[in-house]
Amino acid sequence: MEAERETFPVRFMSAELGVSASGYYAWRRRQPSAREVADAALRPMIRTAFEQSRRTYGARRIQASLGLAGHSTGVDRVRRLMRRDGLAAKGRKTRWSATVSTAADPGIADLARRSFGGGGLNALWVADATVLKARDGRLHLAAIMDSASRRIVGWAFGRRNTAELACRALRMAVMARKRPESGWFIHHSDHGSQYTSAAFRQLCEQLKVRQSMGRVGNCYDNAQIESWFGRLKVEHANDLAGRAAAELEVLTIRWIEAWHNRQRVHGVLGCSPAH
């Protein structure tokens, strides 16, 4: 009725809707409730947090972000107000697989045994490679994540998914953290040919890294890094498919270092940033 006051008389609308005109005027005179006032103050903060997340946070992470900024509120209220303002996080798109399997059995045991996230920093690193779509072809990304902290500790880009790419990512990871003692951490991957190659295995021995591999054909044995690749594409790379590979590489490094490793909150870490 309020929106149509300039077009139709209030008494006409009241009669058509079966409500009283006096009730409408009483509603107009009524002061906003405490709940309505709080909602009005919270809505712009929710929108700001949503935009700062690159439109990727759902209600739970928005609530956590507001809490870190000193604004305590319930997740149900955040969800209701996001729905009211049409704020919906980006959905996941189809995944491109970059794994190049090998028929040879390297005889490397599964030391992770799906026990991800435990053991403290540098106890377990999970690694894999994926494909990012660029205007001028495919860009391969090899990445290594610290399973406990969710921090990406090593990465490398290239036009081909090779053992050299995986080796560069591992070298970066070892340089980024203090050089580990023998057996200090486990490098876990799938059976991609870059990880079963003689060059990569020799590098692991040189750096005193304990190499681990999941079972052939079982995606759950390396699901943690696969999930991160999915998030990378939804939150970042899928929107940049029209960029040249060189530009996409620079923007992706910026996304990893400035956003994922320093600002993005992670539910498994109690909605805290990676470390």
Protein backbone atom coordinates (compact mmCIF):
# COMPACT_ATOMS: atom_id res chain seq x y z
CA MET A 1 0.00 0.00 0.00
CA GLU A 2 2.80 2.38 0.88
CA ALA A 3 4.35 2.00 -2.57
CA GLU A 4 1.05 2.66 -4.34
CA ARG A 5 -0.15 5.69 -2.35
CA GLU A 6 0.56 8.08 -5.22
CA THR A 7 -1.59 5.98 -7.57
CA PHE A 8 -4.56 4.76 -5.50
CA PRO A 9 -6.46 6.18 -2.49
CA VAL A 10 -5.72 4.47 0.81
CA ARG A 11 -9.38 3.65 1.48
CA PHE A 12 -9.73 2.05 -1.97
CA MET A 13 -6.68 -0.12 -1.42
CA SER A 14 -7.83 -1.04 2.09
CA ALA A 15 -11.18 -2.18 0.78
CA GLU A 16 -9.61 -4.19 -2.03
CA LEU A 17 -7.11 -5.89 0.32
CA GLY A 18 -9.60 -6.44 3.12
CA VAL A 19 -7.69 -4.43 5.74
CA SER A 20 -8.56 -1.33 7.72
CA ALA A 21 -7.35 2.13 6.72
CA SER A 22 -6.87 3.00 10.39
CA GLY A 23 -4.54 0.01 10.77
CA TYR A 24 -2.45 1.27 7.86
CA TYR A 25 -2.17 4.77 9.35
CA ALA A 26 -1.26 3.30 12.75
CA TRP A 27 1.51 1.29 11.05
CA ARG A 28 2.88 4.47 9.43
CA ARG A 29 3.02 6.28 12.80
CA ARG A 30 4.71 3.38 14.58
CA GLN A 31 8.44 3.79 15.30
CA PRO A 32 10.82 1.12 13.92
CA SER A 33 11.41 -1.77 16.31
CA ALA A 34 14.84 -2.46 17.83
CA ARG A 35 15.15 -5.44 15.47
CA GLU A 36 14.44 -3.26 12.42
CA VAL A 37 16.95 -0.64 13.55
CA ALA A 38 19.61 -3.31 14.11
CA ASP A 39 18.90 -4.85 10.71
CA ALA A 40 19.19 -1.46 9.01
CA ALA A 41 22.61 -0.92 10.60
CA LEU A 42 23.80 -4.45 9.81
CA ARG A 43 22.81 -4.62 6.14
CA PRO A 44 25.52 -2.24 4.78
CA MET A 45 28.17 -4.03 6.87
CA ILE A 46 27.09 -7.38 5.41
CA ARG A 47 27.22 -6.00 1.89
CA THR A 48 30.69 -4.53 2.50
CA ALA A 49 32.01 -7.85 3.85
CA PHE A 50 30.43 -9.67 0.91
CA GLU A 51 32.05 -7.38 -1.65
CA GLN A 52 35.42 -7.54 0.11
CA SER A 53 35.25 -11.34 -0.19
CA ARG A 54 34.93 -10.93 -3.97
CA ARG A 55 31.29 -12.05 -3.63
CA THR A 56 32.41 -15.53 -2.49
CA TYR A 57 31.42 -15.67 1.21
CA GLY A 58 28.24 -17.29 2.40
CA ALA A 59 26.43 -16.43 5.64
CA ARG A 60 28.78 -18.35 7.93
CA ARG A 61 31.95 -16.64 6.71
CA ILE A 62 30.25 -13.25 6.59
CA GLN A 63 29.28 -13.74 10.23
CA ALA A 64 32.88 -14.66 11.08
CA SER A 65 34.23 -11.60 9.23
CA LEU A 66 31.86 -9.32 11.11
CA GLY A 67 32.91 -10.93 14.38
CA LEU A 68 36.59 -10.32 13.62
CA ALA A 69 35.69 -6.67 13.01
CA GLY A 70 33.93 -6.45 16.39
CA HIS A 71 30.32 -6.82 15.21
CA SER A 72 28.72 -9.85 16.86
CA THR A 73 25.58 -11.27 15.24
CA GLY A 74 23.92 -14.59 14.53
CA VAL A 75 24.40 -16.56 11.34
CA ASP A 76 20.64 -16.91 10.84
CA ARG A 77 20.22 -13.13 10.88
CA VAL A 78 23.07 -12.75 8.38
CA ARG A 79 21.52 -15.40 6.14
CA ARG A 80 18.10 -13.70 6.30
CA LEU A 81 19.49 -10.27 5.44
CA MET A 82 21.67 -11.64 2.64
CA ARG A 83 18.63 -13.31 1.14
CA ARG A 84 16.66 -10.06 1.49
CA ASP A 85 19.35 -8.13 -0.40
CA GLY A 86 19.93 -10.84 -3.02
CA LEU A 87 23.51 -11.59 -1.93
CA ALA A 88 24.47 -15.10 -3.02
CA ALA A 89 27.99 -16.55 -3.09
CA LYS A 90 29.39 -17.77 -6.40
CA GLY A 91 28.64 -21.38 -7.29
CA ARG A 92 31.18 -23.97 -8.38
CA LYS A 93 31.64 -24.60 -12.09
CA THR A 94 32.84 -27.67 -13.95
CA ARG A 95 36.34 -28.74 -12.95
CA TRP A 96 39.11 -29.33 -15.47
CA SER A 97 41.29 -32.32 -14.60
CA ALA A 98 45.03 -31.90 -15.07
CA THR A 99 46.22 -35.28 -13.74
CA VAL A 100 48.30 -37.27 -16.19
CA SER A 101 48.37 -40.81 -14.81
CA THR A 102 51.11 -43.34 -15.30
CA ALA A 103 50.74 -47.09 -15.48
CA ALA A 104 53.98 -47.67 -13.57
CA ASP A 105 53.69 -48.35 -9.85
CA PRO A 106 56.34 -46.23 -8.10
CA GLY A 107 55.98 -48.21 -4.90
CA ILE A 108 55.35 -45.09 -2.78
CA ALA A 109 53.21 -45.66 0.30
CA ASP A 110 50.21 -43.59 1.38
CA LEU A 111 51.59 -41.93 4.51
CA ALA A 112 48.73 -39.43 4.82
CA ARG A 113 45.94 -42.04 5.10
CA ARG A 114 43.35 -39.25 4.72
CA SER A 115 44.45 -37.80 8.06
CA PHE A 116 44.49 -34.21 6.81
CA GLY A 117 44.81 -31.17 9.02
CA GLY A 118 46.53 -32.82 11.99
CA GLY A 119 50.13 -32.98 13.11
CA GLY A 120 50.88 -29.25 13.18
CA LEU A 121 52.60 -27.00 10.67
CA ASN A 122 54.77 -28.69 8.04
CA ALA A 123 53.75 -32.18 9.17
CA LEU A 124 51.88 -32.82 5.92
CA TRP A 125 51.94 -30.95 2.62
CA VAL A 126 49.40 -31.85 -0.09
CA ALA A 127 50.21 -31.19 -3.74
CA ASP A 128 48.61 -31.37 -7.15
CA ALA A 129 48.38 -29.52 -10.47
CA THR A 130 45.45 -28.01 -12.34
CA VAL A 131 44.66 -26.11 -15.54
CA LEU A 132 43.58 -22.47 -15.72
CA LYS A 133 41.92 -21.26 -18.93
CA ALA A 134 43.51 -18.23 -20.58
CA ARG A 135 42.77 -16.36 -23.79
CA ASP A 136 45.91 -17.71 -25.43
CA GLY A 137 45.72 -21.30 -24.21
CA ARG A 138 46.07 -23.33 -21.06
CA LEU A 139 48.10 -22.29 -18.03
CA HIS A 140 49.16 -25.09 -15.68
CA LEU A 141 49.52 -24.45 -11.95
CA ALA A 142 51.31 -26.80 -9.55
CA ALA A 143 50.59 -25.95 -5.91
CA ILE A 144 51.51 -27.22 -2.44
CA MET A 145 49.32 -26.59 0.62
CA ASP A 146 50.20 -27.00 4.27
CA SER A 147 47.43 -29.36 5.37
CA ALA A 148 47.21 -27.98 8.90
CA SER A 149 47.24 -24.25 8.16
CA ARG A 150 45.66 -24.20 4.64
CA ARG A 151 48.46 -21.89 3.52
CA ILE A 152 49.76 -22.32 -0.04
CA VAL A 153 53.49 -22.64 0.61
CA GLY A 154 54.69 -23.34 -2.94
CA TRP A 155 53.51 -22.90 -6.51
CA ALA A 156 54.75 -22.83 -10.09
CA PHE A 157 53.17 -21.90 -13.44
CA GLY A 158 53.92 -23.28 -16.87
CA ARG A 159 52.49 -24.07 -20.27
CA ARG A 160 52.97 -27.81 -19.72
CA ASN A 161 52.30 -30.01 -16.70
CA THR A 162 55.78 -31.49 -16.25
CA ALA A 163 58.05 -32.84 -13.54
CA GLU A 164 60.00 -29.59 -13.75
CA LEU A 165 56.84 -27.68 -12.78
CA ALA A 166 56.31 -29.88 -9.71
CA CYS A 167 59.98 -29.54 -8.77
CA ARG A 168 59.83 -25.74 -8.90
CA ALA A 169 56.80 -25.73 -6.59
CA LEU A 170 58.56 -28.01 -4.09
CA ARG A 171 61.74 -25.92 -4.09
CA MET A 172 59.69 -22.79 -3.41
CA ALA A 173 57.86 -24.48 -0.54
CA VAL A 174 61.11 -25.58 1.12
CA MET A 175 62.56 -22.08 0.74
CA ALA A 176 59.38 -20.46 2.09
CA ARG A 177 59.54 -22.47 5.30
CA LYS A 178 62.62 -23.29 7.29
CA ARG A 179 64.55 -26.15 5.74
CA PRO A 180 63.12 -29.27 7.41
CA GLU A 181 65.09 -31.99 9.12
CA SER A 182 64.92 -35.50 7.66
CA GLY A 183 61.34 -36.78 7.74
CA TRP A 184 59.98 -33.54 9.23
CA PHE A 185 57.10 -33.41 6.79
CA ILE A 186 55.30 -35.54 4.21
CA HIS A 187 54.67 -34.47 0.59
CA HIS A 188 51.41 -36.12 -0.47
CA SER A 189 50.10 -36.21 -4.05
CA ASP A 190 48.23 -38.37 -6.53
CA HIS A 191 49.91 -40.67 -9.08
CA GLY A 192 50.42 -37.97 -11.71
CA SER A 193 53.41 -38.64 -13.91
CA GLN A 194 55.17 -35.48 -12.71
CA TYR A 195 55.24 -36.88 -9.14
CA THR A 196 56.26 -40.41 -10.11
CA SER A 197 59.08 -39.13 -12.35
CA ALA A 198 62.70 -39.87 -11.51
CA ALA A 199 63.49 -36.13 -11.38
CA PHE A 200 60.87 -35.39 -8.74
CA ARG A 201 61.71 -38.44 -6.64
CA GLN A 202 65.38 -37.54 -6.70
CA LEU A 203 64.55 -33.99 -5.58
CA CYS A 204 62.54 -35.35 -2.66
CA GLU A 205 65.52 -37.45 -1.62
CA GLN A 206 67.85 -34.46 -1.98
CA LEU A 207 65.59 -32.25 0.14
CA LYS A 208 64.95 -35.08 2.63
CA VAL A 209 61.21 -35.03 1.98
CA ARG A 210 59.09 -38.10 2.70
CA GLN A 211 57.03 -38.70 -0.44
CA SER A 212 53.50 -40.07 -0.12
CA MET A 213 50.84 -40.97 -2.69
CA GLY A 214 47.16 -41.85 -2.44
CA ARG A 215 45.58 -44.85 -4.08
CA VAL A 216 45.23 -44.89 -7.85
CA GLY A 217 41.84 -43.61 -9.03
CA ASN A 218 40.64 -42.53 -5.57
CA CYS A 219 39.94 -38.79 -5.57
CA TYR A 220 39.27 -38.68 -1.82
CA ASP A 221 42.92 -39.44 -1.07
CA ASN A 222 43.89 -35.98 -2.32
CA ALA A 223 40.61 -34.14 -1.80
CA GLN A 224 42.05 -31.29 0.25
CA ILE A 225 44.12 -29.74 -2.52
CA GLU A 226 41.44 -30.61 -5.10
CA SER A 227 38.95 -28.64 -3.04
CA TRP A 228 41.33 -25.68 -2.99
CA PHE A 229 41.65 -25.76 -6.78
CA GLY A 230 37.86 -25.69 -7.04
CA ARG A 231 37.72 -22.67 -4.76
CA LEU A 232 40.47 -20.93 -6.73
CA LYS A 233 38.46 -21.28 -9.93
CA VAL A 234 35.12 -20.25 -8.44
CA GLU A 235 36.48 -17.25 -6.55
CA HIS A 236 39.06 -16.08 -9.06
CA ALA A 237 40.14 -17.85 -12.25
CA ASN A 238 36.76 -18.51 -13.90
CA ASP A 239 36.15 -14.76 -14.14
CA LEU A 240 39.51 -14.21 -15.86
CA ALA A 241 39.32 -16.74 -18.70
CA GLY A 242 39.54 -13.89 -21.23
CA ARG A 243 42.94 -12.69 -19.94
CA ALA A 244 46.29 -13.62 -21.47
CA ALA A 245 48.23 -16.34 -19.65
CA ALA A 246 50.95 -13.95 -18.46
CA GLU A 247 48.40 -11.61 -16.90
CA LEU A 248 46.42 -14.50 -15.43
CA GLU A 249 49.59 -15.77 -13.75
CA VAL A 250 50.31 -12.40 -12.10
CA LEU A 251 46.71 -12.01 -10.92
CA THR A 252 46.61 -15.55 -9.55
CA ILE A 253 49.83 -15.05 -7.57
CA ARG A 254 48.28 -11.89 -6.14
CA TRP A 255 45.10 -13.82 -5.25
CA ILE A 256 47.12 -16.53 -3.49
CA GLU A 257 49.44 -14.23 -1.54
CA ALA A 258 47.27 -11.20 -0.81
CA TRP A 259 43.89 -12.90 -0.41
CA HIS A 260 44.03 -16.64 0.29
CA ASN A 261 47.16 -16.73 2.45
CA ARG A 262 46.51 -13.53 4.40
CA GLN A 263 42.83 -12.57 4.49
CA ARG A 264 40.41 -15.33 3.51
CA VAL A 265 38.84 -17.07 6.52
CA HIS A 266 38.63 -20.87 6.58
CA GLY A 267 35.82 -22.75 8.30
CA VAL A 268 38.07 -25.65 9.35
CA LEU A 269 40.33 -23.15 11.13
CA GLY A 270 37.44 -21.71 13.14
CA CYS A 271 36.89 -19.05 10.47
CA SER A 272 40.44 -17.73 10.85
CA PRO A 273 42.95 -16.89 8.08
CA ALA A 274 45.61 -19.34 6.91
CA HIS A 275 48.96 -19.21 8.70
